[in-house]
N, C-alpha and C. Protein backbone atom coordinates (compact mmCIF):
# COMPACT_ATOMS: atom_id res chain seq x y z
N MET A 1 141.52 123.10 119.33
CA MET A 1 140.15 123.19 119.78
C MET A 1 140.03 122.65 121.19
N LYS A 2 139.21 123.28 122.01
CA LYS A 2 139.04 122.83 123.37
C LYS A 2 138.13 121.60 123.41
N LYS A 3 138.34 120.80 124.47
CA LYS A 3 137.60 119.55 124.62
C LYS A 3 136.08 119.81 124.72
N GLY A 4 135.68 120.82 125.48
CA GLY A 4 134.26 121.13 125.64
C GLY A 4 133.60 121.50 124.32
N HIS A 5 134.36 122.26 123.48
CA HIS A 5 133.83 122.66 122.17
C HIS A 5 133.64 121.44 121.28
N LEU A 6 134.60 120.51 121.30
CA LEU A 6 134.51 119.28 120.49
C LEU A 6 133.30 118.44 120.92
N GLN A 7 133.04 118.38 122.21
CA GLN A 7 131.89 117.61 122.69
C GLN A 7 130.58 118.21 122.20
N ARG A 8 130.51 119.56 122.21
CA ARG A 8 129.30 120.22 121.73
C ARG A 8 129.09 119.98 120.24
N VAL A 9 130.17 120.00 119.46
CA VAL A 9 130.09 119.74 118.02
C VAL A 9 129.62 118.31 117.78
N PHE A 10 130.20 117.35 118.54
CA PHE A 10 129.84 115.95 118.39
C PHE A 10 128.35 115.73 118.69
N ILE A 11 127.86 116.35 119.77
CA ILE A 11 126.46 116.22 120.15
C ILE A 11 125.55 116.80 119.07
N ALA A 12 125.94 117.98 118.53
CA ALA A 12 125.14 118.63 117.49
C ALA A 12 125.07 117.77 116.23
N VAL A 13 126.23 117.19 115.82
CA VAL A 13 126.27 116.34 114.62
C VAL A 13 125.44 115.08 114.85
N SER A 14 125.57 114.46 116.03
CA SER A 14 124.81 113.25 116.35
C SER A 14 123.31 113.51 116.30
N ALA A 15 122.91 114.66 116.85
CA ALA A 15 121.49 115.00 116.85
C ALA A 15 120.97 115.19 115.43
N ALA A 16 121.80 115.83 114.58
CA ALA A 16 121.41 116.05 113.18
C ALA A 16 121.26 114.72 112.44
N LEU A 17 122.22 113.81 112.66
CA LEU A 17 122.15 112.49 112.02
C LEU A 17 120.93 111.71 112.49
N CYS A 18 120.65 111.80 113.78
CA CYS A 18 119.48 111.10 114.34
C CYS A 18 118.20 111.59 113.69
N SER A 19 118.06 112.92 113.60
CA SER A 19 116.83 113.47 113.05
C SER A 19 116.68 113.14 111.58
N ALA A 20 117.81 112.94 110.88
CA ALA A 20 117.76 112.58 109.46
C ALA A 20 117.64 111.08 109.27
N GLY A 21 117.74 110.32 110.35
CA GLY A 21 117.65 108.86 110.26
C GLY A 21 118.90 108.22 109.71
N LEU A 22 120.04 108.90 109.78
CA LEU A 22 121.27 108.39 109.19
C LEU A 22 122.18 107.68 110.17
N SER A 23 121.87 107.73 111.44
CA SER A 23 122.72 107.04 112.40
C SER A 23 121.97 105.86 112.98
N GLY A 24 122.52 105.24 114.01
CA GLY A 24 121.91 104.05 114.60
C GLY A 24 120.80 104.38 115.57
N CYS A 25 120.34 105.63 115.60
CA CYS A 25 119.28 106.01 116.52
C CYS A 25 117.98 105.32 116.12
N SER A 26 117.21 104.91 117.08
CA SER A 26 115.92 104.27 116.81
C SER A 26 114.87 105.36 116.74
N LYS A 27 114.18 105.43 115.57
CA LYS A 27 113.13 106.43 115.42
C LYS A 27 111.75 105.84 115.67
N THR A 28 111.68 104.51 115.86
CA THR A 28 110.40 103.87 116.07
C THR A 28 110.30 103.39 117.50
N PRO A 29 109.52 104.05 118.34
CA PRO A 29 109.40 103.63 119.72
C PRO A 29 108.62 102.34 119.83
N ASP A 30 108.82 101.62 120.93
CA ASP A 30 108.04 100.44 121.20
C ASP A 30 106.69 100.91 121.70
N VAL A 31 105.65 100.83 120.83
CA VAL A 31 104.36 101.41 121.17
C VAL A 31 103.41 100.42 121.81
N GLY A 32 103.79 99.18 121.92
CA GLY A 32 102.93 98.19 122.59
C GLY A 32 101.71 97.88 121.75
N THR A 33 100.59 97.54 122.43
CA THR A 33 99.38 97.16 121.71
C THR A 33 98.17 97.85 122.31
N GLY A 34 97.06 97.82 121.59
CA GLY A 34 95.78 98.32 122.08
C GLY A 34 95.78 99.78 122.44
N ALA A 35 95.05 100.10 123.52
CA ALA A 35 94.91 101.49 123.95
C ALA A 35 96.24 102.07 124.36
N GLU A 36 97.11 101.21 124.89
CA GLU A 36 98.45 101.64 125.28
C GLU A 36 99.20 102.20 124.08
N ALA A 37 99.06 101.53 122.94
CA ALA A 37 99.73 101.96 121.71
C ALA A 37 99.19 103.30 121.25
N ALA A 38 97.86 103.43 121.28
CA ALA A 38 97.25 104.68 120.82
C ALA A 38 97.71 105.86 121.67
N ALA A 39 97.87 105.62 122.95
CA ALA A 39 98.26 106.70 123.86
C ALA A 39 99.71 107.11 123.66
N ARG A 40 100.60 106.13 123.36
CA ARG A 40 102.03 106.43 123.29
C ARG A 40 102.54 106.68 121.88
N SER A 41 101.79 106.27 120.87
CA SER A 41 102.25 106.40 119.50
C SER A 41 102.32 107.88 119.10
N PRO A 42 103.41 108.27 118.39
CA PRO A 42 103.51 109.66 117.98
C PRO A 42 102.44 110.04 116.97
N SER A 43 101.86 109.07 116.25
CA SER A 43 100.79 109.36 115.30
C SER A 43 99.65 108.40 115.59
N ALA A 44 98.96 108.64 116.70
CA ALA A 44 97.94 107.72 117.20
C ALA A 44 96.83 107.48 116.18
N GLY A 45 96.51 108.47 115.35
CA GLY A 45 95.43 108.30 114.39
C GLY A 45 95.86 107.73 113.06
N ALA A 46 97.15 107.48 112.88
CA ALA A 46 97.65 107.01 111.59
C ALA A 46 97.30 105.55 111.36
N VAL A 47 97.10 105.22 110.09
CA VAL A 47 96.83 103.83 109.72
C VAL A 47 98.14 103.05 109.80
N ILE A 48 98.08 101.89 110.45
CA ILE A 48 99.28 101.07 110.59
C ILE A 48 99.56 100.37 109.27
N ASP A 49 100.81 100.32 108.88
CA ASP A 49 101.25 99.71 107.64
C ASP A 49 100.82 98.24 107.58
N ASP A 50 100.37 97.79 106.38
CA ASP A 50 99.90 96.41 106.20
C ASP A 50 100.97 95.39 106.56
N ALA A 51 102.22 95.67 106.21
CA ALA A 51 103.30 94.72 106.52
C ALA A 51 103.49 94.59 108.02
N THR A 52 103.32 95.68 108.75
CA THR A 52 103.42 95.65 110.20
C THR A 52 102.30 94.82 110.80
N ILE A 53 101.09 95.01 110.28
CA ILE A 53 99.94 94.23 110.76
C ILE A 53 100.17 92.75 110.50
N THR A 54 100.62 92.40 109.30
CA THR A 54 100.89 91.00 108.96
C THR A 54 101.88 90.40 109.94
N GLY A 55 102.96 91.12 110.23
CA GLY A 55 103.97 90.63 111.17
C GLY A 55 103.41 90.43 112.57
N ARG A 56 102.55 91.36 113.00
CA ARG A 56 101.97 91.26 114.35
C ARG A 56 100.99 90.09 114.45
N VAL A 57 100.21 89.88 113.38
CA VAL A 57 99.27 88.75 113.38
C VAL A 57 100.04 87.43 113.43
N LYS A 58 101.08 87.32 112.61
CA LYS A 58 101.90 86.09 112.61
C LYS A 58 102.51 85.84 113.99
N ALA A 59 103.01 86.90 114.62
CA ALA A 59 103.61 86.77 115.94
C ALA A 59 102.57 86.33 116.96
N ALA A 60 101.35 86.88 116.86
CA ALA A 60 100.28 86.50 117.80
C ALA A 60 99.90 85.03 117.63
N LEU A 61 99.84 84.58 116.38
CA LEU A 61 99.50 83.18 116.12
C LEU A 61 100.59 82.24 116.62
N LEU A 62 101.85 82.63 116.41
CA LEU A 62 102.96 81.81 116.89
C LEU A 62 103.06 81.81 118.40
N GLY A 63 102.68 82.92 119.02
CA GLY A 63 102.81 83.05 120.46
C GLY A 63 101.65 82.47 121.25
N ASP A 64 100.57 82.08 120.56
CA ASP A 64 99.40 81.55 121.26
C ASP A 64 99.49 80.04 121.38
N ILE A 65 99.29 79.52 122.58
CA ILE A 65 99.44 78.09 122.84
C ILE A 65 98.47 77.24 122.02
N ASN A 66 97.31 77.81 121.64
CA ASN A 66 96.31 77.06 120.89
C ASN A 66 96.57 77.01 119.39
N THR A 67 97.40 77.92 118.88
CA THR A 67 97.61 77.98 117.43
C THR A 67 99.07 77.89 117.00
N ASN A 68 100.02 77.85 117.96
CA ASN A 68 101.43 77.97 117.58
C ASN A 68 102.01 76.76 116.87
N GLY A 69 101.29 75.63 116.85
CA GLY A 69 101.82 74.45 116.19
C GLY A 69 101.45 74.36 114.72
N PHE A 70 100.79 75.38 114.20
CA PHE A 70 100.28 75.31 112.84
C PHE A 70 100.93 76.35 111.94
N GLU A 71 100.94 76.05 110.63
CA GLU A 71 101.49 76.99 109.66
C GLU A 71 100.34 77.79 109.06
N PHE A 72 100.47 79.10 109.11
CA PHE A 72 99.45 79.97 108.56
C PHE A 72 100.07 80.87 107.48
N ARG A 73 99.27 81.18 106.48
CA ARG A 73 99.67 82.22 105.54
C ARG A 73 98.81 83.43 105.89
N VAL A 74 99.46 84.56 106.11
CA VAL A 74 98.76 85.78 106.51
C VAL A 74 99.03 86.86 105.48
N GLU A 75 97.97 87.48 105.00
CA GLU A 75 98.11 88.62 104.08
C GLU A 75 97.23 89.75 104.58
N THR A 76 97.69 90.98 104.37
CA THR A 76 96.91 92.14 104.81
C THR A 76 96.82 93.13 103.66
N HIS A 77 95.61 93.63 103.42
CA HIS A 77 95.40 94.65 102.40
C HIS A 77 94.49 95.72 102.99
N LYS A 78 95.02 96.94 103.13
CA LYS A 78 94.29 98.07 103.69
C LYS A 78 93.67 97.72 105.05
N GLY A 79 94.45 97.02 105.87
CA GLY A 79 94.00 96.69 107.21
C GLY A 79 93.13 95.46 107.32
N GLU A 80 92.78 94.85 106.18
CA GLU A 80 91.96 93.64 106.20
C GLU A 80 92.87 92.42 106.12
N VAL A 81 92.80 91.56 107.11
CA VAL A 81 93.69 90.40 107.22
C VAL A 81 93.01 89.16 106.64
N GLN A 82 93.76 88.38 105.88
CA GLN A 82 93.27 87.11 105.37
C GLN A 82 94.17 86.00 105.89
N LEU A 83 93.53 84.94 106.41
CA LEU A 83 94.25 83.82 106.98
C LEU A 83 94.01 82.57 106.14
N TRP A 84 95.11 81.86 105.82
CA TRP A 84 95.02 80.57 105.13
C TRP A 84 95.83 79.55 105.92
N GLY A 85 95.47 78.29 105.79
CA GLY A 85 96.20 77.23 106.46
C GLY A 85 95.26 76.16 106.96
N PHE A 86 95.75 75.30 107.82
CA PHE A 86 94.96 74.20 108.36
C PHE A 86 95.06 74.16 109.88
N VAL A 87 93.95 73.85 110.52
CA VAL A 87 93.91 73.64 111.96
C VAL A 87 93.22 72.31 112.22
N GLN A 88 93.25 71.86 113.47
CA GLN A 88 92.67 70.56 113.79
C GLN A 88 91.27 70.64 114.37
N THR A 89 90.91 71.78 114.96
CA THR A 89 89.60 71.89 115.60
C THR A 89 88.92 73.21 115.25
N LEU A 90 87.60 73.22 115.45
CA LEU A 90 86.83 74.45 115.22
C LEU A 90 87.25 75.53 116.21
N ALA A 91 87.61 75.13 117.43
CA ALA A 91 88.06 76.10 118.43
C ALA A 91 89.33 76.81 117.97
N GLN A 92 90.25 76.08 117.33
CA GLN A 92 91.48 76.69 116.81
C GLN A 92 91.17 77.62 115.64
N PHE A 93 90.21 77.23 114.82
CA PHE A 93 89.74 78.06 113.70
C PHE A 93 89.26 79.41 114.23
N GLU A 94 88.41 79.35 115.26
CA GLU A 94 87.84 80.58 115.83
C GLU A 94 88.89 81.40 116.59
N ARG A 95 89.81 80.71 117.26
CA ARG A 95 90.85 81.41 118.03
C ARG A 95 91.77 82.20 117.09
N ALA A 96 92.10 81.62 115.95
CA ALA A 96 92.98 82.31 114.99
C ALA A 96 92.35 83.62 114.53
N ALA A 97 91.06 83.59 114.22
CA ALA A 97 90.36 84.80 113.79
C ALA A 97 90.30 85.82 114.93
N GLU A 98 90.06 85.33 116.14
CA GLU A 98 90.01 86.21 117.32
C GLU A 98 91.35 86.91 117.54
N LEU A 99 92.44 86.17 117.39
CA LEU A 99 93.78 86.77 117.54
C LEU A 99 94.01 87.84 116.48
N GLY A 100 93.60 87.54 115.25
CA GLY A 100 93.76 88.52 114.17
C GLY A 100 93.02 89.81 114.46
N ARG A 101 91.79 89.68 114.96
CA ARG A 101 90.98 90.88 115.26
C ARG A 101 91.54 91.68 116.42
N SER A 102 92.33 91.04 117.29
CA SER A 102 92.86 91.73 118.47
C SER A 102 94.05 92.64 118.16
N ILE A 103 94.58 92.56 116.95
CA ILE A 103 95.78 93.33 116.61
C ILE A 103 95.40 94.77 116.24
N PRO A 104 96.08 95.77 116.81
CA PRO A 104 95.78 97.17 116.47
C PRO A 104 95.94 97.43 114.98
N GLY A 105 94.99 98.14 114.41
CA GLY A 105 95.04 98.49 112.99
C GLY A 105 94.27 97.53 112.11
N VAL A 106 93.86 96.36 112.62
CA VAL A 106 93.11 95.40 111.82
C VAL A 106 91.67 95.86 111.69
N ARG A 107 91.20 95.98 110.43
CA ARG A 107 89.83 96.42 110.18
C ARG A 107 88.87 95.25 110.05
N GLY A 108 89.38 94.09 109.72
CA GLY A 108 88.55 92.91 109.56
C GLY A 108 89.42 91.69 109.32
N VAL A 109 88.85 90.50 109.52
CA VAL A 109 89.58 89.25 109.30
C VAL A 109 88.74 88.34 108.43
N LEU A 110 89.32 87.91 107.30
CA LEU A 110 88.69 86.90 106.45
C LEU A 110 89.38 85.58 106.76
N ASN A 111 88.66 84.67 107.36
CA ASN A 111 89.25 83.42 107.82
C ASN A 111 89.02 82.31 106.80
N HIS A 112 90.09 81.98 106.05
CA HIS A 112 90.02 80.92 105.04
C HIS A 112 90.64 79.63 105.56
N LEU A 113 90.86 79.52 106.86
CA LEU A 113 91.46 78.32 107.43
C LEU A 113 90.53 77.12 107.22
N ALA A 114 91.12 75.93 107.13
CA ALA A 114 90.34 74.71 106.97
C ALA A 114 90.80 73.69 107.99
N LEU A 115 89.90 72.80 108.35
CA LEU A 115 90.27 71.71 109.23
C LEU A 115 91.11 70.71 108.46
N LYS A 116 92.09 70.12 109.11
CA LYS A 116 92.94 69.14 108.45
C LYS A 116 92.07 67.99 107.96
N GLY A 117 92.34 67.58 106.71
CA GLY A 117 91.56 66.51 106.11
C GLY A 117 90.43 67.03 105.24
N GLU A 118 90.21 68.37 105.28
CA GLU A 118 89.19 68.96 104.42
C GLU A 118 89.84 69.55 103.19
N GLY A 119 89.00 70.00 102.29
CA GLY A 119 89.50 70.68 101.10
C GLY A 119 89.40 69.80 99.88
N PRO A 120 89.85 70.29 98.72
CA PRO A 120 89.73 69.55 97.48
C PRO A 120 90.40 68.19 97.59
N GLY A 121 89.71 67.16 97.13
CA GLY A 121 90.28 65.83 97.09
C GLY A 121 90.18 65.08 98.40
N SER A 122 89.51 65.63 99.39
CA SER A 122 89.39 64.93 100.66
C SER A 122 87.93 64.75 101.01
N GLY A 123 87.62 63.68 101.71
CA GLY A 123 86.25 63.44 102.16
C GLY A 123 85.30 63.23 101.00
N ALA A 124 84.03 63.52 101.22
CA ALA A 124 82.99 63.30 100.22
C ALA A 124 83.05 64.37 99.16
N GLY A 125 83.89 64.18 98.17
CA GLY A 125 84.00 65.13 97.07
C GLY A 125 84.60 66.45 97.46
N GLY A 126 85.26 66.51 98.62
CA GLY A 126 85.91 67.75 99.03
C GLY A 126 84.96 68.77 99.63
N MET A 127 83.72 68.36 99.93
CA MET A 127 82.75 69.28 100.51
C MET A 127 83.13 69.63 101.94
N VAL A 128 83.05 70.89 102.28
CA VAL A 128 83.34 71.34 103.64
C VAL A 128 82.06 71.25 104.45
N ASP A 129 82.15 70.77 105.68
CA ASP A 129 81.01 70.63 106.56
C ASP A 129 80.28 71.96 106.71
N ASP A 130 78.94 71.90 106.70
CA ASP A 130 78.13 73.12 106.81
C ASP A 130 78.40 73.89 108.10
N SER A 131 78.70 73.17 109.18
CA SER A 131 78.96 73.87 110.45
C SER A 131 80.22 74.72 110.36
N ILE A 132 81.20 74.26 109.58
CA ILE A 132 82.43 75.05 109.38
C ILE A 132 82.11 76.31 108.57
N ILE A 133 81.31 76.16 107.53
CA ILE A 133 80.93 77.33 106.73
C ILE A 133 80.17 78.32 107.60
N THR A 134 79.24 77.83 108.41
CA THR A 134 78.48 78.71 109.30
C THR A 134 79.42 79.46 110.23
N ALA A 135 80.39 78.75 110.81
CA ALA A 135 81.36 79.40 111.71
C ALA A 135 82.16 80.46 110.98
N ARG A 136 82.56 80.16 109.75
CA ARG A 136 83.35 81.13 108.96
C ARG A 136 82.53 82.38 108.66
N VAL A 137 81.27 82.19 108.29
CA VAL A 137 80.41 83.34 107.98
C VAL A 137 80.20 84.18 109.23
N LYS A 138 79.92 83.52 110.36
CA LYS A 138 79.74 84.26 111.62
C LYS A 138 80.99 85.04 111.99
N ALA A 139 82.16 84.40 111.83
CA ALA A 139 83.43 85.07 112.15
C ALA A 139 83.65 86.27 111.24
N ALA A 140 83.33 86.11 109.95
CA ALA A 140 83.52 87.21 108.99
C ALA A 140 82.58 88.37 109.32
N LEU A 141 81.34 88.06 109.69
CA LEU A 141 80.38 89.11 110.05
C LEU A 141 80.81 89.83 111.34
N LEU A 142 81.30 89.06 112.32
CA LEU A 142 81.78 89.66 113.56
C LEU A 142 82.97 90.57 113.31
N ALA A 143 83.81 90.20 112.35
CA ALA A 143 85.02 90.97 112.07
C ALA A 143 84.72 92.26 111.31
N ASP A 144 83.54 92.35 110.72
CA ASP A 144 83.19 93.53 109.92
C ASP A 144 82.47 94.55 110.79
N ALA A 145 83.12 95.67 111.02
CA ALA A 145 82.59 96.70 111.92
C ALA A 145 81.33 97.38 111.37
N SER A 146 81.08 97.28 110.07
CA SER A 146 79.93 97.97 109.48
C SER A 146 78.64 97.16 109.57
N VAL A 147 78.71 95.94 110.13
CA VAL A 147 77.51 95.10 110.27
C VAL A 147 77.27 94.81 111.74
N ASN A 148 76.05 95.05 112.20
CA ASN A 148 75.67 94.72 113.58
C ASN A 148 75.30 93.24 113.60
N SER A 149 76.34 92.38 113.57
CA SER A 149 76.14 90.96 113.33
C SER A 149 75.49 90.21 114.48
N GLY A 150 75.37 90.83 115.65
CA GLY A 150 74.70 90.19 116.76
C GLY A 150 73.24 89.91 116.48
N ASP A 151 72.68 90.63 115.51
CA ASP A 151 71.27 90.46 115.15
C ASP A 151 71.08 89.59 113.91
N VAL A 152 72.14 88.93 113.45
CA VAL A 152 72.07 88.11 112.24
C VAL A 152 72.19 86.63 112.61
N SER A 153 71.25 85.84 112.11
CA SER A 153 71.29 84.40 112.30
C SER A 153 71.82 83.77 111.01
N VAL A 154 72.72 82.77 111.17
CA VAL A 154 73.34 82.12 110.02
C VAL A 154 73.04 80.63 110.05
N VAL A 155 72.49 80.12 108.95
CA VAL A 155 72.23 78.69 108.81
C VAL A 155 72.78 78.26 107.46
N THR A 156 73.46 77.10 107.42
CA THR A 156 74.05 76.61 106.18
C THR A 156 73.55 75.20 105.88
N ARG A 157 73.14 75.00 104.62
CA ARG A 157 72.73 73.67 104.15
C ARG A 157 73.37 73.43 102.79
N SER A 158 74.19 72.37 102.73
CA SER A 158 74.89 71.99 101.49
C SER A 158 75.65 73.16 100.88
N GLY A 159 76.25 73.99 101.73
CA GLY A 159 77.05 75.12 101.25
C GLY A 159 76.28 76.39 101.00
N ASP A 160 74.93 76.30 101.02
CA ASP A 160 74.10 77.50 100.82
C ASP A 160 73.81 78.13 102.18
N VAL A 161 74.16 79.41 102.29
CA VAL A 161 74.02 80.15 103.56
C VAL A 161 72.74 80.96 103.55
N GLN A 162 71.98 80.85 104.64
CA GLN A 162 70.79 81.67 104.81
C GLN A 162 71.03 82.65 105.95
N LEU A 163 70.85 83.94 105.66
CA LEU A 163 71.00 84.99 106.66
C LEU A 163 69.63 85.53 107.02
N SER A 164 69.34 85.61 108.30
CA SER A 164 68.07 86.19 108.73
C SER A 164 68.29 87.07 109.95
N GLY A 165 67.31 87.96 110.20
CA GLY A 165 67.43 88.86 111.33
C GLY A 165 67.06 90.27 110.95
N LEU A 166 67.20 91.18 111.91
CA LEU A 166 66.86 92.58 111.71
C LEU A 166 68.11 93.44 111.82
N LEU A 167 68.31 94.31 110.82
CA LEU A 167 69.44 95.23 110.84
C LEU A 167 68.94 96.67 110.75
N ILE A 168 69.83 97.61 111.04
CA ILE A 168 69.45 99.03 111.15
C ILE A 168 69.01 99.61 109.81
N ASN A 169 69.71 99.26 108.73
CA ASN A 169 69.38 99.84 107.42
C ASN A 169 69.72 98.87 106.29
N GLN A 170 69.31 99.23 105.09
CA GLN A 170 69.52 98.38 103.91
C GLN A 170 71.01 98.23 103.60
N ARG A 171 71.80 99.26 103.88
CA ARG A 171 73.23 99.20 103.61
C ARG A 171 73.89 98.08 104.43
N GLN A 172 73.48 97.92 105.70
CA GLN A 172 74.03 96.84 106.53
C GLN A 172 73.63 95.47 105.98
N ILE A 173 72.39 95.36 105.50
CA ILE A 173 71.94 94.09 104.92
C ILE A 173 72.77 93.73 103.70
N GLU A 174 72.98 94.70 102.82
CA GLU A 174 73.76 94.45 101.60
C GLU A 174 75.20 94.09 101.95
N ARG A 175 75.75 94.76 102.95
CA ARG A 175 77.12 94.46 103.37
C ARG A 175 77.22 93.05 103.94
N ALA A 176 76.24 92.64 104.76
CA ALA A 176 76.24 91.30 105.35
C ALA A 176 76.21 90.23 104.26
N VAL A 177 75.39 90.43 103.24
CA VAL A 177 75.32 89.48 102.12
C VAL A 177 76.65 89.41 101.40
N LEU A 178 77.26 90.57 101.14
CA LEU A 178 78.56 90.61 100.46
C LEU A 178 79.63 89.88 101.26
N VAL A 179 79.68 90.14 102.58
CA VAL A 179 80.67 89.49 103.45
C VAL A 179 80.48 87.97 103.41
N ALA A 180 79.24 87.52 103.51
CA ALA A 180 78.96 86.08 103.50
C ALA A 180 79.37 85.45 102.17
N ARG A 181 79.12 86.12 101.06
CA ARG A 181 79.47 85.58 99.74
C ARG A 181 80.97 85.40 99.57
N ARG A 182 81.75 86.25 100.24
CA ARG A 182 83.21 86.21 100.10
C ARG A 182 83.86 85.09 100.92
N VAL A 183 83.08 84.44 101.78
CA VAL A 183 83.63 83.39 102.64
C VAL A 183 83.88 82.13 101.81
N GLN A 184 85.03 81.51 102.05
CA GLN A 184 85.44 80.32 101.31
C GLN A 184 84.39 79.21 101.44
N ASN A 185 84.12 78.54 100.32
CA ASN A 185 83.23 77.39 100.21
C ASN A 185 81.74 77.72 100.31
N VAL A 186 81.39 78.99 100.34
CA VAL A 186 79.97 79.37 100.31
C VAL A 186 79.48 79.24 98.87
N ALA A 187 78.45 78.40 98.68
CA ALA A 187 77.92 78.17 97.33
C ALA A 187 76.94 79.27 96.94
N GLY A 188 76.18 79.76 97.90
CA GLY A 188 75.21 80.81 97.63
C GLY A 188 74.73 81.42 98.93
N VAL A 189 74.09 82.59 98.83
CA VAL A 189 73.59 83.29 100.02
C VAL A 189 72.13 83.66 99.80
N SER A 190 71.29 83.23 100.73
CA SER A 190 69.87 83.57 100.72
C SER A 190 69.64 84.65 101.78
N ASN A 191 69.06 85.76 101.36
CA ASN A 191 68.88 86.90 102.25
C ASN A 191 67.45 86.96 102.79
N GLU A 192 67.30 86.67 104.08
CA GLU A 192 66.01 86.77 104.76
C GLU A 192 66.03 87.90 105.79
N MET A 193 67.02 88.79 105.69
CA MET A 193 67.15 89.89 106.67
C MET A 193 66.18 91.02 106.32
N ARG A 194 65.78 91.77 107.34
CA ARG A 194 64.90 92.91 107.14
C ARG A 194 65.40 94.12 107.92
N VAL A 195 64.97 95.29 107.52
CA VAL A 195 65.32 96.53 108.23
C VAL A 195 64.42 96.68 109.43
N LYS A 196 65.02 97.05 110.58
CA LYS A 196 64.23 97.27 111.81
C LYS A 196 63.24 98.40 111.58
N GLN A 197 62.04 98.21 112.03
CA GLN A 197 60.98 99.24 111.88
C GLN A 197 60.97 100.16 113.09
């Protein structure tokens, strides 16, 4: 067999193996983040795998100077990220949620982080400060794309959350109440929201 013919056969076999994913060829391009990713990804409209989102959130938390010293547990289900762990300040609590929301494919962030020294068996009967609950509810509402949370006021007293403000429709009001109820340490939710006239 001639050398040129062997080279053509080798190239054809290599290409076949690549397309079948059987060789060392990389089938996953480095798509980057944000709009850059959407533009370069071969399936820009596809939902990103939950495991991929979890990995990216963990990497963002580790890579951020404000949160990299802390241990977080990150779980993702259908694009919704849940964060657990402890931080030292409210700013770190909010930054962690902000980082989670910045990851492509994330549909929402449920922030279950607690300040160090809080939680069961700590402080006055393990009660979480109302300002922390308020911050968590606000973060959860901001993370939910189906609620226009800029028009919602949140006040917390002894773990009971009061939501007030004007929203576009009843569906948004019901969603806001549901989101608030799911926030860690919320004892109850009082709905004072109304539909815009």
